[in-house]
Structures are given as structure tokens and as C-alpha cells.
Amino acid sequence: MRRFEFVDGNSSKFWMPEVQGATFIVTYGRIGTAGQRKEKVFPDEDAALREYNKKVAEKVREGYAEVGAEAGSGAA
């Protein structure tokens, strides 16, 4: 699973997206916590992957950086 982090001043957040079948799942929160998990079901896996790629691009534009051993490994 890919992990992105944003650290700026008093803000330190993480964001972890994944796709399981037609479900797009995001775990997010403050670094050092378990965070929250949200799931969104799409009509098919292709739609879930499109959302995944769109959201990853948005987070990178917002200043999130990918971290960890799996950096750049792609969806799911």
C-alpha cells in the first residue's frame, strides 16, 4: 500500500489509498495515530482505479510526498 505524508508547520498528516476490486479505500489522519478509514464503492474496478489515480495526483499537488519502501509501486 502506498503512503503519502504532509508535514508543514503544525500539520503532520498521512494518507494511504488502495483499491480492492471496485472499492476505493483511504486511510488518513495525523501521523502517529491509526487514522480513519473511508471506503467508496464504484461500478467496476476501472472506475475505482480512475478515482485512485485522480486522488493521488490531487494529494501530490497539495504537497503530499510518497514515503516508505513501496514508494512508486502503483495501485493496490
PDB file of N, CA and C in Angstrom:
ATOM      1  N   MET A   1       0.847  -1.177   0.000  1.00  0.00           N
ATOM      2  CA  MET A   1       0.000   0.000   0.000  1.00  0.00           C
ATOM      3  C   MET A   1       0.892   1.239   0.000  1.00  0.00           C
ATOM      4  N   ARG A   2       0.512   2.200  -0.810  1.00  0.00           N
ATOM      5  CA  ARG A   2       1.281   3.444  -0.877  1.00  0.00           C
ATOM      6  C   ARG A   2       0.923   4.327   0.315  1.00  0.00           C
ATOM      7  N   ARG A   3       1.913   5.112   0.764  1.00  0.00           N
ATOM      8  CA  ARG A   3       1.706   6.031   1.883  1.00  0.00           C
ATOM      9  C   ARG A   3       2.255   7.396   1.486  1.00  0.00           C
ATOM     10  N   PHE A   4       1.452   8.413   1.736  1.00  0.00           N
ATOM     11  CA  PHE A   4       1.840   9.786   1.462  1.00  0.00           C
ATOM     12  C   PHE A   4       1.778  10.556   2.771  1.00  0.00           C
ATOM     13  N   GLU A   5       2.718  11.501   2.941  1.00  0.00           N
ATOM     14  CA  GLU A   5       2.726  12.311   4.158  1.00  0.00           C
ATOM     15  C   GLU A   5       2.852  13.782   3.801  1.00  0.00           C
ATOM     16  N   PHE A   6       2.258  14.605   4.662  1.00  0.00           N
ATOM     17  CA  PHE A   6       2.339  16.053   4.521  1.00  0.00           C
ATOM     18  C   PHE A   6       2.747  16.616   5.873  1.00  0.00           C
ATOM     19  N   VAL A   7       3.899  17.287   5.903  1.00  0.00           N
ATOM     20  CA  VAL A   7       4.377  17.899   7.140  1.00  0.00           C
ATOM     21  C   VAL A   7       4.694  19.352   6.830  1.00  0.00           C
ATOM     22  N   ASP A   8       4.025  20.264   7.565  1.00  0.00           N
ATOM     23  CA  ASP A   8       4.218  21.692   7.332  1.00  0.00           C
ATOM     24  C   ASP A   8       3.808  22.442   8.590  1.00  0.00           C
ATOM     25  N   GLY A   9       4.757  23.051   9.258  1.00  0.00           N
ATOM     26  CA  GLY A   9       4.435  23.771  10.486  1.00  0.00           C
ATOM     27  C   GLY A   9       3.862  22.841  11.530  1.00  0.00           C
ATOM     28  N   ASN A  10       2.631  23.121  11.975  1.00  0.00           N
ATOM     29  CA  ASN A  10       1.978  22.287  12.989  1.00  0.00           C
ATOM     30  C   ASN A  10       1.217  21.107  12.390  1.00  0.00           C
ATOM     31  N   SER A  11       1.207  20.994  11.084  1.00  0.00           N
ATOM     32  CA  SER A  11       0.446  19.939  10.418  1.00  0.00           C
ATOM     33  C   SER A  11       1.351  18.761  10.072  1.00  0.00           C
ATOM     34  N   SER A  12       0.927  17.568  10.460  1.00  0.00           N
ATOM     35  CA  SER A  12       1.645  16.346  10.065  1.00  0.00           C
ATOM     36  C   SER A  12       0.602  15.258   9.830  1.00  0.00           C
ATOM     37  N   LYS A  13       0.317  15.012   8.543  1.00  0.00           N
ATOM     38  CA  LYS A  13      -0.774  14.114   8.175  1.00  0.00           C
ATOM     39  C   LYS A  13      -0.268  13.007   7.258  1.00  0.00           C
ATOM     40  N   PHE A  14      -0.998  11.890   7.276  1.00  0.00           N
ATOM     41  CA  PHE A  14      -0.715  10.819   6.331  1.00  0.00           C
ATOM     42  C   PHE A  14      -1.978  10.494   5.547  1.00  0.00           C
ATOM     43  N   TRP A  15      -1.786   9.856   4.401  1.00  0.00           N
ATOM     44  CA  TRP A  15      -2.885   9.480   3.510  1.00  0.00           C
ATOM     45  C   TRP A  15      -2.465   8.215   2.780  1.00  0.00           C
ATOM     46  N   MET A  16      -3.253   7.140   2.898  1.00  0.00           N
ATOM     47  CA  MET A  16      -2.900   5.847   2.307  1.00  0.00           C
ATOM     48  C   MET A  16      -4.062   5.324   1.461  1.00  0.00           C
ATOM     49  N   PRO A  17      -3.938   5.397   0.130  1.00  0.00           N
ATOM     50  CA  PRO A  17      -5.009   4.919  -0.749  1.00  0.00           C
ATOM     51  C   PRO A  17      -4.787   3.471  -1.174  1.00  0.00           C
ATOM     52  N   GLU A  18      -5.868   2.768  -1.456  1.00  0.00           N
ATOM     53  CA  GLU A  18      -5.770   1.427  -2.035  1.00  0.00           C
ATOM     54  C   GLU A  18      -7.055   1.100  -2.781  1.00  0.00           C
ATOM     55  N   VAL A  19      -6.953   0.154  -3.692  1.00  0.00           N
ATOM     56  CA  VAL A  19      -8.114  -0.329  -4.432  1.00  0.00           C
ATOM     57  C   VAL A  19      -8.223  -1.827  -4.198  1.00  0.00           C
ATOM     58  N   GLN A  20      -9.416  -2.255  -3.812  1.00  0.00           N
ATOM     59  CA  GLN A  20      -9.713  -3.681  -3.660  1.00  0.00           C
ATOM     60  C   GLN A  20     -10.947  -3.959  -4.505  1.00  0.00           C
ATOM     61  N   GLY A  21     -10.717  -4.543  -5.665  1.00  0.00           N
ATOM     62  CA  GLY A  21     -11.831  -4.763  -6.585  1.00  0.00           C
ATOM     63  C   GLY A  21     -12.402  -3.434  -7.039  1.00  0.00           C
ATOM     64  N   ALA A  22     -13.701  -3.238  -6.848  1.00  0.00           N
ATOM     65  CA  ALA A  22     -14.362  -1.996  -7.252  1.00  0.00           C
ATOM     66  C   ALA A  22     -14.461  -1.001  -6.100  1.00  0.00           C
ATOM     67  N   THR A  23     -13.705  -1.237  -5.016  1.00  0.00           N
ATOM     68  CA  THR A  23     -13.762  -0.370  -3.841  1.00  0.00           C
ATOM     69  C   THR A  23     -12.478   0.434  -3.699  1.00  0.00           C
ATOM     70  N   PHE A  24     -12.632   1.755  -3.576  1.00  0.00           N
ATOM     71  CA  PHE A  24     -11.515   2.661  -3.324  1.00  0.00           C
ATOM     72  C   PHE A  24     -11.504   2.938  -1.826  1.00  0.00           C
ATOM     73  N   ILE A  25     -10.380   2.657  -1.177  1.00  0.00           N
ATOM     74  CA  ILE A  25     -10.264   2.774   0.275  1.00  0.00           C
ATOM     75  C   ILE A  25      -9.153   3.763   0.606  1.00  0.00           C
ATOM     76  N   VAL A  26      -9.430   4.659   1.546  1.00  0.00           N
ATOM     77  CA  VAL A  26      -8.429   5.617   2.003  1.00  0.00           C
ATOM     78  C   VAL A  26      -8.356   5.565   3.518  1.00  0.00           C
ATOM     79  N   THR A  27      -7.139   5.462   4.032  1.00  0.00           N
ATOM     80  CA  THR A  27      -6.885   5.598   5.460  1.00  0.00           C
ATOM     81  C   THR A  27      -6.075   6.877   5.621  1.00  0.00           C
ATOM     82  N   TYR A  28      -6.507   7.757   6.522  1.00  0.00           N
ATOM     83  CA  TYR A  28      -5.852   9.056   6.649  1.00  0.00           C
ATOM     84  C   TYR A  28      -5.939   9.550   8.086  1.00  0.00           C
ATOM     85  N   GLY A  29      -5.071  10.512   8.409  1.00  0.00           N
ATOM     86  CA  GLY A  29      -5.116  11.114   9.735  1.00  0.00           C
ATOM     87  C   GLY A  29      -3.793  11.749  10.099  1.00  0.00           C
ATOM     88  N   ARG A  30      -3.639  12.037  11.378  1.00  0.00           N
ATOM     89  CA  ARG A  30      -2.391  12.608  11.874  1.00  0.00           C
ATOM     90  C   ARG A  30      -1.339  11.518  11.982  1.00  0.00           C
ATOM     91  N   ILE A  31      -0.115  11.854  11.621  1.00  0.00           N
ATOM     92  CA  ILE A  31       0.989  10.909  11.763  1.00  0.00           C
ATOM     93  C   ILE A  31       1.101  10.529  13.233  1.00  0.00           C
ATOM     94  N   GLY A  32       1.242   9.240  13.495  1.00  0.00           N
ATOM     95  CA  GLY A  32       1.332   8.737  14.860  1.00  0.00           C
ATOM     96  C   GLY A  32       0.025   8.186  15.394  1.00  0.00           C
ATOM     97  N   THR A  33      -1.054   8.310  14.605  1.00  0.00           N
ATOM     98  CA  THR A  33      -2.351   7.754  15.004  1.00  0.00           C
ATOM     99  C   THR A  33      -2.741   6.655  14.020  1.00  0.00           C
ATOM    100  N   ALA A  34      -3.769   5.892  14.376  1.00  0.00           N
ATOM    101  CA  ALA A  34      -4.274   4.854  13.474  1.00  0.00           C
ATOM    102  C   ALA A  34      -5.031   5.471  12.303  1.00  0.00           C
ATOM    103  N   GLY A  35      -5.550   6.676  12.482  1.00  0.00           N
ATOM    104  CA  GLY A  35      -6.283   7.359  11.427  1.00  0.00           C
ATOM    105  C   GLY A  35      -7.701   6.846  11.255  1.00  0.00           C
ATOM    106  N   GLN A  36      -8.337   7.349  10.219  1.00  0.00           N
ATOM    107  CA  GLN A  36      -9.703   6.971   9.876  1.00  0.00           C
ATOM    108  C   GLN A  36      -9.683   6.261   8.532  1.00  0.00           C
ATOM    109  N   ARG A  37     -10.686   5.434   8.307  1.00  0.00           N
ATOM    110  CA  ARG A  37     -10.779   4.686   7.053  1.00  0.00           C
ATOM    111  C   ARG A  37     -12.106   5.009   6.380  1.00  0.00           C
ATOM    112  N   LYS A  38     -12.038   5.326   5.097  1.00  0.00           N
ATOM    113  CA  LYS A  38     -13.247   5.569   4.309  1.00  0.00           C
ATOM    114  C   LYS A  38     -13.207   4.698   3.071  1.00  0.00           C
ATOM    115  N   GLU A  39     -14.368   4.174   2.707  1.00  0.00           N
ATOM    116  CA  GLU A  39     -14.491   3.320   1.528  1.00  0.00           C
ATOM    117  C   GLU A  39     -15.554   3.883   0.598  1.00  0.00           C
ATOM    118  N   LYS A  40     -15.287   3.790  -0.695  1.00  0.00           N
ATOM    119  CA  LYS A  40     -16.269   4.202  -1.695  1.00  0.00           C
ATOM    120  C   LYS A  40     -16.331   3.107  -2.757  1.00  0.00           C
ATOM    121  N   VAL A  41     -17.531   2.592  -3.005  1.00  0.00           N
ATOM    122  CA  VAL A  41     -17.718   1.511  -3.970  1.00  0.00           C
ATOM    123  C   VAL A  41     -18.084   2.109  -5.332  1.00  0.00           C
ATOM    124  N   PHE A  42     -17.417   1.628  -6.365  1.00  0.00           N
ATOM    125  CA  PHE A  42     -17.648   2.075  -7.734  1.00  0.00           C
ATOM    126  C   PHE A  42     -18.298   0.949  -8.539  1.00  0.00           C
ATOM    127  N   PRO A  43     -18.824   1.266  -9.725  1.00  0.00           N
ATOM    128  CA  PRO A  43     -19.480   0.236 -10.543  1.00  0.00           C
ATOM    129  C   PRO A  43     -18.540  -0.901 -10.955  1.00  0.00           C
ATOM    130  N   ASP A  44     -17.242  -0.567 -11.129  1.00  0.00           N
ATOM    131  CA  ASP A  44     -16.276  -1.594 -11.518  1.00  0.00           C
ATOM    132  C   ASP A  44     -14.873  -1.178 -11.083  1.00  0.00           C
ATOM    133  N   GLU A  45     -13.920  -2.093 -11.240  1.00  0.00           N
ATOM    134  CA  GLU A  45     -12.547  -1.832 -10.796  1.00  0.00           C
ATOM    135  C   GLU A  45     -11.899  -0.701 -11.582  1.00  0.00           C
ATOM    136  N   ASP A  46     -12.201  -0.583 -12.875  1.00  0.00           N
ATOM    137  CA  ASP A  46     -11.627   0.503 -13.675  1.00  0.00           C
ATOM    138  C   ASP A  46     -12.022   1.866 -13.123  1.00  0.00           C
ATOM    139  N   ALA A  47     -13.266   2.018 -12.726  1.00  0.00           N
ATOM    140  CA  ALA A  47     -13.731   3.285 -12.155  1.00  0.00           C
ATOM    141  C   ALA A  47     -13.023   3.563 -10.833  1.00  0.00           C
ATOM    142  N   ALA A  48     -12.830   2.535 -10.019  1.00  0.00           N
ATOM    143  CA  ALA A  48     -12.123   2.702  -8.745  1.00  0.00           C
ATOM    144  C   ALA A  48     -10.675   3.108  -8.988  1.00  0.00           C
ATOM    145  N   LEU A  49     -10.032   2.520  -9.990  1.00  0.00           N
ATOM    146  CA  LEU A  49      -8.643   2.874 -10.311  1.00  0.00           C
ATOM    147  C   LEU A  49      -8.530   4.298 -10.845  1.00  0.00           C
ATOM    148  N   ARG A  50      -9.522   4.736 -11.619  1.00  0.00           N
ATOM    149  CA  ARG A  50      -9.510   6.128 -12.099  1.00  0.00           C
ATOM    150  C   ARG A  50      -9.580   7.094 -10.917  1.00  0.00           C
ATOM    151  N   GLU A  51     -10.446   6.793  -9.950  1.00  0.00           N
ATOM    152  CA  GLU A  51     -10.565   7.638  -8.758  1.00  0.00           C
ATOM    153  C   GLU A  51      -9.258   7.620  -7.965  1.00  0.00           C
ATOM    154  N   TYR A  52      -8.669   6.456  -7.818  1.00  0.00           N
ATOM    155  CA  TYR A  52      -7.384   6.300  -7.122  1.00  0.00           C
ATOM    156  C   TYR A  52      -6.334   7.215  -7.756  1.00  0.00           C
ATOM    157  N   ASN A  53      -6.174   7.117  -9.069  1.00  0.00           N
ATOM    158  CA  ASN A  53      -5.164   7.921  -9.763  1.00  0.00           C
ATOM    159  C   ASN A  53      -5.454   9.409  -9.664  1.00  0.00           C
ATOM    160  N   LYS A  54      -6.728   9.781  -9.745  1.00  0.00           N
ATOM    161  CA  LYS A  54      -7.123  11.190  -9.624  1.00  0.00           C
ATOM    162  C   LYS A  54      -6.775  11.728  -8.241  1.00  0.00           C
ATOM    163  N   LYS A  55      -7.106  10.958  -7.196  1.00  0.00           N
ATOM    164  CA  LYS A  55      -6.853  11.413  -5.828  1.00  0.00           C
ATOM    165  C   LYS A  55      -5.363  11.465  -5.512  1.00  0.00           C
ATOM    166  N   VAL A  56      -4.582  10.504  -6.018  1.00  0.00           N
ATOM    167  CA  VAL A  56      -3.129  10.542  -5.809  1.00  0.00           C
ATOM    168  C   VAL A  56      -2.566  11.824  -6.419  1.00  0.00           C
ATOM    169  N   ALA A  57      -2.972  12.154  -7.639  1.00  0.00           N
ATOM    170  CA  ALA A  57      -2.497  13.373  -8.297  1.00  0.00           C
ATOM    171  C   ALA A  57      -2.885  14.614  -7.495  1.00  0.00           C
ATOM    172  N   GLU A  58      -4.104  14.640  -6.954  1.00  0.00           N
ATOM    173  CA  GLU A  58      -4.549  15.775  -6.137  1.00  0.00           C
ATOM    174  C   GLU A  58      -3.675  15.933  -4.897  1.00  0.00           C
ATOM    175  N   LYS A  59      -3.409  14.828  -4.205  1.00  0.00           N
ATOM    176  CA  LYS A  59      -2.614  14.901  -2.973  1.00  0.00           C
ATOM    177  C   LYS A  59      -1.193  15.364  -3.260  1.00  0.00           C
ATOM    178  N   VAL A  60      -0.613  14.903  -4.359  1.00  0.00           N
ATOM    179  CA  VAL A  60       0.738  15.335  -4.726  1.00  0.00           C
ATOM    180  C   VAL A  60       0.734  16.838  -5.013  1.00  0.00           C
ATOM    181  N   ARG A  61      -0.288  17.327  -5.719  1.00  0.00           N
ATOM    182  CA  ARG A  61      -0.403  18.772  -5.978  1.00  0.00           C
ATOM    183  C   ARG A  61      -0.538  19.558  -4.683  1.00  0.00           C
ATOM    184  N   GLU A  62      -1.198  18.965  -3.676  1.00  0.00           N
ATOM    185  CA  GLU A  62      -1.391  19.638  -2.388  1.00  0.00           C
ATOM    186  C   GLU A  62      -0.132  19.619  -1.527  1.00  0.00           C
ATOM    187  N   GLY A  63       0.907  18.905  -1.956  1.00  0.00           N
ATOM    188  CA  GLY A  63       2.160  18.901  -1.213  1.00  0.00           C
ATOM    189  C   GLY A  63       2.480  17.617  -0.477  1.00  0.00           C
ATOM    190  N   TYR A  64       1.651  16.599  -0.620  1.00  0.00           N
ATOM    191  CA  TYR A  64       1.937  15.304  -0.004  1.00  0.00           C
ATOM    192  C   TYR A  64       3.088  14.643  -0.756  1.00  0.00           C
ATOM    193  N   ALA A  65       3.969  13.960  -0.012  1.00  0.00           N
ATOM    194  CA  ALA A  65       5.090  13.239  -0.612  1.00  0.00           C
ATOM    195  C   ALA A  65       4.962  11.759  -0.291  1.00  0.00           C
ATOM    196  N   GLU A  66       5.253  10.922  -1.278  1.00  0.00           N
ATOM    197  CA  GLU A  66       5.184   9.483  -1.060  1.00  0.00           C
ATOM    198  C   GLU A  66       6.391   9.037  -0.240  1.00  0.00           C
ATOM    199  N   VAL A  67       6.144   8.172   0.734  1.00  0.00           N
ATOM    200  CA  VAL A  67       7.201   7.682   1.619  1.00  0.00           C
ATOM    201  C   VAL A  67       7.140   6.162   1.706  1.00  0.00           C
ATOM    202  N   GLY A  68       8.188   5.571   2.258  1.00  0.00           N
ATOM    203  CA  GLY A  68       8.175   4.129   2.517  1.00  0.00           C
ATOM    204  C   GLY A  68       8.830   3.310   1.431  1.00  0.00           C
ATOM    205  N   ALA A  69       9.003   2.030   1.724  1.00  0.00           N
ATOM    206  CA  ALA A  69       9.690   1.100   0.832  1.00  0.00           C
ATOM    207  C   ALA A  69       8.940   0.868  -0.464  1.00  0.00           C
ATOM    208  N   GLU A  70       7.613   1.075  -0.455  1.00  0.00           N
ATOM    209  CA  GLU A  70       6.818   0.809  -1.642  1.00  0.00           C
ATOM    210  C   GLU A  70       6.568   2.067  -2.470  1.00  0.00           C
ATOM    211  N   ALA A  71       7.296   3.148  -2.210  1.00  0.00           N
ATOM    212  CA  ALA A  71       7.080   4.397  -2.932  1.00  0.00           C
ATOM    213  C   ALA A  71       7.139   4.159  -4.433  1.00  0.00           C
ATOM    214  N   GLY A  72       6.084   4.587  -5.115  1.00  0.00           N
ATOM    215  CA  GLY A  72       6.030   4.473  -6.557  1.00  0.00           C
ATOM    216  C   GLY A  72       5.608   3.118  -7.081  1.00  0.00           C
ATOM    217  N   SER A  73       5.096   2.242  -6.218  1.00  0.00           N
ATOM    218  CA  SER A  73       4.767   0.879  -6.648  1.00  0.00           C
ATOM    219  C   SER A  73       3.438   0.768  -7.377  1.00  0.00           C
ATOM    220  N   GLY A  74       2.630   1.818  -7.382  1.00  0.00           N
ATOM    221  CA  GLY A  74       1.375   1.781  -8.129  1.00  0.00           C
ATOM    222  C   GLY A  74       0.187   1.371  -7.288  1.00  0.00           C
ATOM    223  N   ALA A  75      -0.947   1.215  -7.948  1.00  0.00           N
ATOM    224  CA  ALA A  75      -2.212   0.916  -7.270  1.00  0.00           C
ATOM    225  C   ALA A  75      -2.237  -0.493  -6.721  1.00  0.00           C
ATOM    226  N   ALA A  76      -2.914  -0.619  -5.576  1.00  0.00           N
ATOM    227  CA  ALA A  76      -3.190  -1.893  -4.902  1.00  0.00           C
ATOM    228  C   ALA A  76      -2.041  -2.791  -4.726  1.00  0.00           C
TER     229      ALA A  76
END
